Amino acid sequence: MQDIRIDNTELTSILSLARLSSYKNEAETTDELLTQYTYNIKVSEAFYPVLALFEIVLRNKICSAIEKLIKPNWLMAELEKQTILRNEEYLKLIEAKEHLIKNNKKITNDRLIAEMTFGFWVYLFTKAYKPRLWDKKHFFETVFPNYKTNKELVNLTLLQDDLRTILRLRNRIFHHEIITNGRITPMQNYQIILNLIHLMSDDAVKYLNQISRFEAIISQKP
């Protein structure tokens, strides 16, 4: 394969020195800044499979529990009568409905589920939803069947802390920000997500292990 030479001076100008300077803690020369920038991109890319799988498993587990134990076809039912969602989340549901209408798509429960943001599902772990969802008989263990602690003593705050950590990480990745030099290391973030997936599904973890290149990418740290 032909070696493609890149003009680092031109590349620095395109990417902007201000952005690259964010990596000063790890690098000094321009070439080192570019190396750290490239590593951050690779790690961000490596997070995609675990983040995508986690979001899908989480929302489907929550929806399955609600439809099985509380209300079938629940988001469609919420549009008819608001009984579960707080006003903030209900407005997001209305926005999802309007987005489907704008794109000439039929409004269905599955499409509404797919339209809801990751933040929407995270907010279902706040205290306001404890009596509405988590205190319902068998609800928690339906979402997290591998949670070993006494279900009666479940602390939603601990789960919510991890979910907010994941949400912040996801937002930083999607906004092209640095994730390789934070208080929590990329590997620690990965383990947080992996643990939550395990609490929901062993098979999802096995599937992730087949497709993830995360550990291989992390080992390339400059």
C-alpha atoms as a PDB file:
ATOM      1  CA  MET A   1       0.000   0.000   0.000  1.00  0.00           C
ATOM      2  CA  GLN A   2       1.340   3.424  -0.916  1.00  0.00           C
ATOM      3  CA  ASP A   3       2.424   5.563   2.018  1.00  0.00           C
ATOM      4  CA  ILE A   4       0.270   8.700   2.064  1.00  0.00           C
ATOM      5  CA  ARG A   5       2.155  11.695   3.431  1.00  0.00           C
ATOM      6  CA  ILE A   6       0.205  14.292   5.380  1.00  0.00           C
ATOM      7  CA  ASP A   7       1.271  17.881   5.898  1.00  0.00           C
ATOM      8  CA  ASN A   8       0.870  18.262   9.675  1.00  0.00           C
ATOM      9  CA  THR A   9       1.121  22.056   9.417  1.00  0.00           C
ATOM     10  CA  GLU A  10      -1.833  22.141   7.033  1.00  0.00           C
ATOM     11  CA  LEU A  11      -3.742  19.611   9.152  1.00  0.00           C
ATOM     12  CA  THR A  12      -3.147  21.669  12.296  1.00  0.00           C
ATOM     13  CA  SER A  13      -4.531  24.721  10.541  1.00  0.00           C
ATOM     14  CA  ILE A  14      -7.641  22.832   9.407  1.00  0.00           C
ATOM     15  CA  LEU A  15      -8.352  21.296  12.816  1.00  0.00           C
ATOM     16  CA  SER A  16      -7.449  24.567  14.602  1.00  0.00           C
ATOM     17  CA  LEU A  17      -4.685  24.936  17.132  1.00  0.00           C
ATOM     18  CA  ALA A  18      -7.223  25.996  19.752  1.00  0.00           C
ATOM     19  CA  ARG A  19      -8.903  22.562  19.574  1.00  0.00           C
ATOM     20  CA  LEU A  20      -5.598  20.691  19.542  1.00  0.00           C
ATOM     21  CA  SER A  21      -4.299  22.728  22.481  1.00  0.00           C
ATOM     22  CA  SER A  22      -6.863  20.979  24.672  1.00  0.00           C
ATOM     23  CA  TYR A  23      -4.472  18.025  24.618  1.00  0.00           C
ATOM     24  CA  LYS A  24      -1.576  20.029  26.139  1.00  0.00           C
ATOM     25  CA  ASN A  25      -1.666  17.974  29.341  1.00  0.00           C
ATOM     26  CA  GLU A  26      -0.624  14.917  27.362  1.00  0.00           C
ATOM     27  CA  ALA A  27       1.495  16.449  24.598  1.00  0.00           C
ATOM     28  CA  GLU A  28       3.874  19.276  23.839  1.00  0.00           C
ATOM     29  CA  THR A  29       4.817  19.301  20.150  1.00  0.00           C
ATOM     30  CA  THR A  30       2.319  19.717  17.320  1.00  0.00           C
ATOM     31  CA  ASP A  31       2.947  16.149  16.186  1.00  0.00           C
ATOM     32  CA  GLU A  32       2.211  14.887  19.701  1.00  0.00           C
ATOM     33  CA  LEU A  33      -0.985  16.945  19.819  1.00  0.00           C
ATOM     34  CA  LEU A  34      -2.111  15.363  16.554  1.00  0.00           C
ATOM     35  CA  THR A  35      -1.264  11.905  17.892  1.00  0.00           C
ATOM     36  CA  GLN A  36      -3.412  12.491  20.981  1.00  0.00           C
ATOM     37  CA  TYR A  37      -6.211  13.938  18.844  1.00  0.00           C
ATOM     38  CA  THR A  38      -6.157  10.861  16.595  1.00  0.00           C
ATOM     39  CA  TYR A  39      -6.189   8.517  19.591  1.00  0.00           C
ATOM     40  CA  ASN A  40      -9.215  10.331  21.019  1.00  0.00           C
ATOM     41  CA  ILE A  41     -11.071   9.861  17.726  1.00  0.00           C
ATOM     42  CA  LYS A  42     -10.257   6.155  17.675  1.00  0.00           C
ATOM     43  CA  VAL A  43     -11.404   5.649  21.278  1.00  0.00           C
ATOM     44  CA  SER A  44     -14.594   7.607  20.589  1.00  0.00           C
ATOM     45  CA  GLU A  45     -15.277   5.387  17.589  1.00  0.00           C
ATOM     46  CA  ALA A  46     -14.601   2.263  19.675  1.00  0.00           C
ATOM     47  CA  PHE A  47     -17.340   3.318  22.108  1.00  0.00           C
ATOM     48  CA  TYR A  48     -20.018   3.253  19.406  1.00  0.00           C
ATOM     49  CA  PRO A  49     -20.938  -0.477  19.594  1.00  0.00           C
ATOM     50  CA  VAL A  50     -21.266  -0.538  23.394  1.00  0.00           C
ATOM     51  CA  LEU A  51     -23.204   2.746  23.551  1.00  0.00           C
ATOM     52  CA  ALA A  52     -25.560   1.749  20.734  1.00  0.00           C
ATOM     53  CA  LEU A  53     -26.210  -1.686  22.215  1.00  0.00           C
ATOM     54  CA  PHE A  54     -26.689  -0.292  25.717  1.00  0.00           C
ATOM     55  CA  GLU A  55     -29.243   2.297  24.630  1.00  0.00           C
ATOM     56  CA  ILE A  56     -31.250  -0.240  22.647  1.00  0.00           C
ATOM     57  CA  VAL A  57     -31.212  -2.882  25.399  1.00  0.00           C
ATOM     58  CA  LEU A  58     -32.104  -0.332  28.093  1.00  0.00           C
ATOM     59  CA  ARG A  59     -35.087   1.171  26.299  1.00  0.00           C
ATOM     60  CA  ASN A  60     -36.403  -2.225  25.196  1.00  0.00           C
ATOM     61  CA  LYS A  61     -36.082  -3.683  28.696  1.00  0.00           C
ATOM     62  CA  ILE A  62     -37.912  -0.726  30.242  1.00  0.00           C
ATOM     63  CA  CYS A  63     -40.648  -0.801  27.607  1.00  0.00           C
ATOM     64  CA  SER A  64     -41.070  -4.557  27.936  1.00  0.00           C
ATOM     65  CA  ALA A  65     -41.505  -4.228  31.706  1.00  0.00           C
ATOM     66  CA  ILE A  66     -44.025  -1.400  31.385  1.00  0.00           C
ATOM     67  CA  GLU A  67     -46.055  -3.199  28.754  1.00  0.00           C
ATOM     68  CA  LYS A  68     -46.013  -6.483  30.654  1.00  0.00           C
ATOM     69  CA  LEU A  69     -46.703  -5.153  34.150  1.00  0.00           C
ATOM     70  CA  ILE A  70     -48.359  -1.740  33.809  1.00  0.00           C
ATOM     71  CA  LYS A  71     -49.765  -0.721  30.461  1.00  0.00           C
ATOM     72  CA  PRO A  72     -49.590  -2.305  26.975  1.00  0.00           C
ATOM     73  CA  ASN A  73     -48.669  -0.147  23.979  1.00  0.00           C
ATOM     74  CA  TRP A  74     -47.725   2.365  26.619  1.00  0.00           C
ATOM     75  CA  LEU A  75     -46.410   5.376  24.692  1.00  0.00           C
ATOM     76  CA  MET A  76     -49.440   5.351  22.414  1.00  0.00           C
ATOM     77  CA  ALA A  77     -51.607   5.071  25.532  1.00  0.00           C
ATOM     78  CA  GLU A  78     -49.746   7.997  27.138  1.00  0.00           C
ATOM     79  CA  LEU A  79     -50.644  10.161  24.155  1.00  0.00           C
ATOM     80  CA  GLU A  80     -54.281   9.435  24.886  1.00  0.00           C
ATOM     81  CA  LYS A  81     -54.015   9.908  28.652  1.00  0.00           C
ATOM     82  CA  GLN A  82     -50.926  10.981  30.591  1.00  0.00           C
ATOM     83  CA  THR A  83     -50.648   8.635  33.556  1.00  0.00           C
ATOM     84  CA  ILE A  84     -46.971   7.645  33.825  1.00  0.00           C
ATOM     85  CA  LEU A  85     -44.793  10.412  32.416  1.00  0.00           C
ATOM     86  CA  ARG A  86     -44.005  13.666  34.176  1.00  0.00           C
ATOM     87  CA  ASN A  87     -44.689  16.832  32.200  1.00  0.00           C
ATOM     88  CA  GLU A  88     -41.053  17.188  31.075  1.00  0.00           C
ATOM     89  CA  GLU A  89     -40.928  13.687  29.589  1.00  0.00           C
ATOM     90  CA  TYR A  90     -44.481  13.966  28.277  1.00  0.00           C
ATOM     91  CA  LEU A  91     -43.460  17.026  26.237  1.00  0.00           C
ATOM     92  CA  LYS A  92     -40.633  14.979  24.729  1.00  0.00           C
ATOM     93  CA  LEU A  93     -43.198  12.366  23.738  1.00  0.00           C
ATOM     94  CA  ILE A  94     -45.295  15.049  22.054  1.00  0.00           C
ATOM     95  CA  GLU A  95     -42.192  16.264  20.209  1.00  0.00           C
ATOM     96  CA  ALA A  96     -41.531  12.709  19.012  1.00  0.00           C
ATOM     97  CA  LYS A  97     -45.089  12.426  17.743  1.00  0.00           C
ATOM     98  CA  GLU A  98     -44.816  15.744  15.886  1.00  0.00           C
ATOM     99  CA  HIS A  99     -41.504  14.687  14.366  1.00  0.00           C
ATOM    100  CA  LEU A 100     -43.114  11.527  12.980  1.00  0.00           C
ATOM    101  CA  ILE A 101     -46.002  13.536  11.569  1.00  0.00           C
ATOM    102  CA  LYS A 102     -43.595  16.017   9.970  1.00  0.00           C
ATOM    103  CA  ASN A 103     -41.805  13.129   8.248  1.00  0.00           C
ATOM    104  CA  ASN A 104     -45.082  11.578   7.056  1.00  0.00           C
ATOM    105  CA  LYS A 105     -44.616   8.475   9.189  1.00  0.00           C
ATOM    106  CA  LYS A 106     -47.392   6.532  10.835  1.00  0.00           C
ATOM    107  CA  ILE A 107     -47.410   6.958  14.605  1.00  0.00           C
ATOM    108  CA  THR A 108     -46.814   3.586  16.244  1.00  0.00           C
ATOM    109  CA  ASN A 109     -45.539   2.521  19.655  1.00  0.00           C
ATOM    110  CA  ASP A 110     -42.313   1.128  18.159  1.00  0.00           C
ATOM    111  CA  ARG A 111     -41.604   4.334  16.246  1.00  0.00           C
ATOM    112  CA  LEU A 112     -42.231   6.454  19.312  1.00  0.00           C
ATOM    113  CA  ILE A 113     -39.801   4.292  21.288  1.00  0.00           C
ATOM    114  CA  ALA A 114     -37.138   4.763  18.626  1.00  0.00           C
ATOM    115  CA  GLU A 115     -37.706   8.536  18.583  1.00  0.00           C
ATOM    116  CA  MET A 116     -37.117   9.047  22.310  1.00  0.00           C
ATOM    117  CA  THR A 117     -33.666  10.315  23.247  1.00  0.00           C
ATOM    118  CA  PHE A 118     -31.253   8.509  25.529  1.00  0.00           C
ATOM    119  CA  GLY A 119     -31.789  11.279  28.076  1.00  0.00           C
ATOM    120  CA  PHE A 120     -35.497  10.423  28.155  1.00  0.00           C
ATOM    121  CA  TRP A 121     -34.754   6.873  29.349  1.00  0.00           C
ATOM    122  CA  VAL A 122     -32.207   8.127  31.897  1.00  0.00           C
ATOM    123  CA  TYR A 123     -34.810  10.433  33.470  1.00  0.00           C
ATOM    124  CA  LEU A 124     -37.067   7.442  34.077  1.00  0.00           C
ATOM    125  CA  PHE A 125     -34.625   6.560  36.879  1.00  0.00           C
ATOM    126  CA  THR A 126     -35.320   9.719  38.882  1.00  0.00           C
ATOM    127  CA  LYS A 127     -37.164   9.569  42.217  1.00  0.00           C
ATOM    128  CA  ALA A 128     -40.391  10.781  40.623  1.00  0.00           C
ATOM    129  CA  TYR A 129     -40.625   7.492  38.722  1.00  0.00           C
ATOM    130  CA  LYS A 130     -40.045   5.236  41.711  1.00  0.00           C
ATOM    131  CA  PRO A 131     -43.771   4.948  42.603  1.00  0.00           C
ATOM    132  CA  ARG A 132     -44.809   5.145  38.957  1.00  0.00           C
ATOM    133  CA  LEU A 133     -42.496   2.375  37.747  1.00  0.00           C
ATOM    134  CA  TRP A 134     -39.841   0.902  40.015  1.00  0.00           C
ATOM    135  CA  ASP A 135     -42.024   0.175  43.033  1.00  0.00           C
ATOM    136  CA  LYS A 136     -44.391  -1.898  40.907  1.00  0.00           C
ATOM    137  CA  LYS A 137     -44.169  -5.596  41.717  1.00  0.00           C
ATOM    138  CA  HIS A 138     -41.500  -7.419  39.651  1.00  0.00           C
ATOM    139  CA  PHE A 139     -40.689  -4.281  37.635  1.00  0.00           C
ATOM    140  CA  PHE A 140     -37.067  -3.876  38.694  1.00  0.00           C
ATOM    141  CA  GLU A 141     -36.133  -7.524  38.239  1.00  0.00           C
ATOM    142  CA  THR A 142     -37.802  -7.561  34.823  1.00  0.00           C
ATOM    143  CA  VAL A 143     -35.467  -4.774  33.689  1.00  0.00           C
ATOM    144  CA  PHE A 144     -32.404  -5.991  35.612  1.00  0.00           C
ATOM    145  CA  PRO A 145     -32.740  -9.779  36.042  1.00  0.00           C
ATOM    146  CA  ASN A 146     -29.052 -10.182  36.959  1.00  0.00           C
ATOM    147  CA  TYR A 147     -29.095  -7.644  39.798  1.00  0.00           C
ATOM    148  CA  LYS A 148     -28.084  -9.782  42.797  1.00  0.00           C
ATOM    149  CA  THR A 149     -28.737  -7.411  45.700  1.00  0.00           C
ATOM    150  CA  ASN A 150     -31.983  -7.611  47.649  1.00  0.00           C
ATOM    151  CA  LYS A 151     -34.556  -6.068  45.301  1.00  0.00           C
ATOM    152  CA  GLU A 152     -36.329  -4.399  48.221  1.00  0.00           C
ATOM    153  CA  LEU A 153     -33.189  -2.380  48.987  1.00  0.00           C
ATOM    154  CA  VAL A 154     -32.443  -1.234  45.464  1.00  0.00           C
ATOM    155  CA  ASN A 155     -31.018   2.292  45.391  1.00  0.00           C
ATOM    156  CA  LEU A 156     -32.040   3.944  42.144  1.00  0.00           C
ATOM    157  CA  THR A 157     -29.630   6.797  42.841  1.00  0.00           C
ATOM    158  CA  LEU A 158     -26.640   4.504  42.283  1.00  0.00           C
ATOM    159  CA  LEU A 159     -28.013   3.367  38.946  1.00  0.00           C
ATOM    160  CA  GLN A 160     -28.884   6.908  37.990  1.00  0.00           C
ATOM    161  CA  ASP A 161     -25.333   8.078  38.783  1.00  0.00           C
ATOM    162  CA  ASP A 162     -23.948   5.505  36.360  1.00  0.00           C
ATOM    163  CA  LEU A 163     -26.541   6.426  33.744  1.00  0.00           C
ATOM    164  CA  ARG A 164     -25.698  10.113  34.007  1.00  0.00           C
ATOM    165  CA  THR A 165     -22.015   9.251  33.631  1.00  0.00           C
ATOM    166  CA  ILE A 166     -22.850   7.353  30.441  1.00  0.00           C
ATOM    167  CA  LEU A 167     -25.045  10.209  29.193  1.00  0.00           C
ATOM    168  CA  ARG A 168     -22.231  12.723  29.705  1.00  0.00           C
ATOM    169  CA  LEU A 169     -19.784  10.430  27.914  1.00  0.00           C
ATOM    170  CA  ARG A 170     -22.192   9.940  25.017  1.00  0.00           C
ATOM    171  CA  ASN A 171     -22.724  13.678  24.673  1.00  0.00           C
ATOM    172  CA  ARG A 172     -18.988  14.387  24.710  1.00  0.00           C
ATOM    173  CA  ILE A 173     -18.398  11.807  21.991  1.00  0.00           C
ATOM    174  CA  PHE A 174     -21.209  13.143  19.805  1.00  0.00           C
ATOM    175  CA  HIS A 175     -19.895  16.703  20.232  1.00  0.00           C
ATOM    176  CA  HIS A 176     -16.350  15.632  19.273  1.00  0.00           C
ATOM    177  CA  GLU A 177     -14.907  16.489  22.688  1.00  0.00           C
ATOM    178  CA  ILE A 178     -12.019  14.896  24.563  1.00  0.00           C
ATOM    179  CA  ILE A 179     -12.837  11.678  26.424  1.00  0.00           C
ATOM    180  CA  THR A 180      -9.319  10.324  26.953  1.00  0.00           C
ATOM    181  CA  ASN A 181      -8.146  12.602  29.766  1.00  0.00           C
ATOM    182  CA  GLY A 182     -11.138  12.905  32.093  1.00  0.00           C
ATOM    183  CA  ARG A 183     -11.485  12.042  35.773  1.00  0.00           C
ATOM    184  CA  ILE A 184     -12.915   8.676  34.703  1.00  0.00           C
ATOM    185  CA  THR A 185     -10.736   6.780  32.245  1.00  0.00           C
ATOM    186  CA  PRO A 186     -12.168   5.351  29.003  1.00  0.00           C
ATOM    187  CA  MET A 187     -11.721   1.821  30.388  1.00  0.00           C
ATOM    188  CA  GLN A 188     -13.608   2.730  33.571  1.00  0.00           C
ATOM    189  CA  ASN A 189     -16.424   4.221  31.492  1.00  0.00           C
ATOM    190  CA  TYR A 190     -16.508   1.088  29.359  1.00  0.00           C
ATOM    191  CA  GLN A 191     -16.745  -1.126  32.435  1.00  0.00           C
ATOM    192  CA  ILE A 192     -19.636   0.957  33.807  1.00  0.00           C
ATOM    193  CA  ILE A 193     -21.593   0.439  30.584  1.00  0.00           C
ATOM    194  CA  LEU A 194     -20.637  -3.230  30.351  1.00  0.00           C
ATOM    195  CA  ASN A 195     -21.782  -3.858  33.927  1.00  0.00           C
ATOM    196  CA  LEU A 196     -25.195  -2.294  33.279  1.00  0.00           C
ATOM    197  CA  ILE A 197     -25.619  -4.362  30.114  1.00  0.00           C
ATOM    198  CA  HIS A 198     -24.746  -7.476  32.135  1.00  0.00           C
ATOM    199  CA  LEU A 199     -27.432  -6.603  34.708  1.00  0.00           C
ATOM    200  CA  MET A 200     -29.962  -6.636  31.873  1.00  0.00           C
ATOM    201  CA  SER A 201     -28.755  -9.439  29.609  1.00  0.00           C
ATOM    202  CA  ASP A 202     -25.898 -11.958  29.544  1.00  0.00           C
ATOM    203  CA  ASP A 203     -26.516 -12.640  25.866  1.00  0.00           C
ATOM    204  CA  ALA A 204     -26.110  -8.953  25.037  1.00  0.00           C
ATOM    205  CA  VAL A 205     -22.690  -9.019  26.707  1.00  0.00           C
ATOM    206  CA  LYS A 206     -21.693 -12.100  24.712  1.00  0.00           C
ATOM    207  CA  TYR A 207     -22.792 -10.396  21.504  1.00  0.00           C
ATOM    208  CA  LEU A 208     -20.856  -7.244  22.388  1.00  0.00           C
ATOM    209  CA  ASN A 209     -17.707  -9.253  23.064  1.00  0.00           C
ATOM    210  CA  GLN A 210     -17.937 -10.619  19.532  1.00  0.00           C
ATOM    211  CA  ILE A 211     -18.100  -7.222  17.829  1.00  0.00           C
ATOM    212  CA  SER A 212     -16.243  -4.817  20.137  1.00  0.00           C
ATOM    213  CA  ARG A 213     -12.698  -3.637  19.335  1.00  0.00           C
ATOM    214  CA  PHE A 214     -12.526  -1.431  22.408  1.00  0.00           C
ATOM    215  CA  GLU A 215      -9.719  -3.168  24.285  1.00  0.00           C
ATOM    216  CA  ALA A 216      -7.605  -3.400  21.130  1.00  0.00           C
ATOM    217  CA  ILE A 217      -7.991   0.342  20.527  1.00  0.00           C
ATOM    218  CA  ILE A 218      -7.299   1.253  24.164  1.00  0.00           C
ATOM    219  CA  SER A 219      -4.036  -0.697  24.009  1.00  0.00           C
ATOM    220  CA  GLN A 220      -2.809   1.687  21.297  1.00  0.00           C
ATOM    221  CA  LYS A 221      -2.581   4.604  23.738  1.00  0.00           C
ATOM    222  CA  PRO A 222       0.441   6.715  22.768  1.00  0.00           C
END
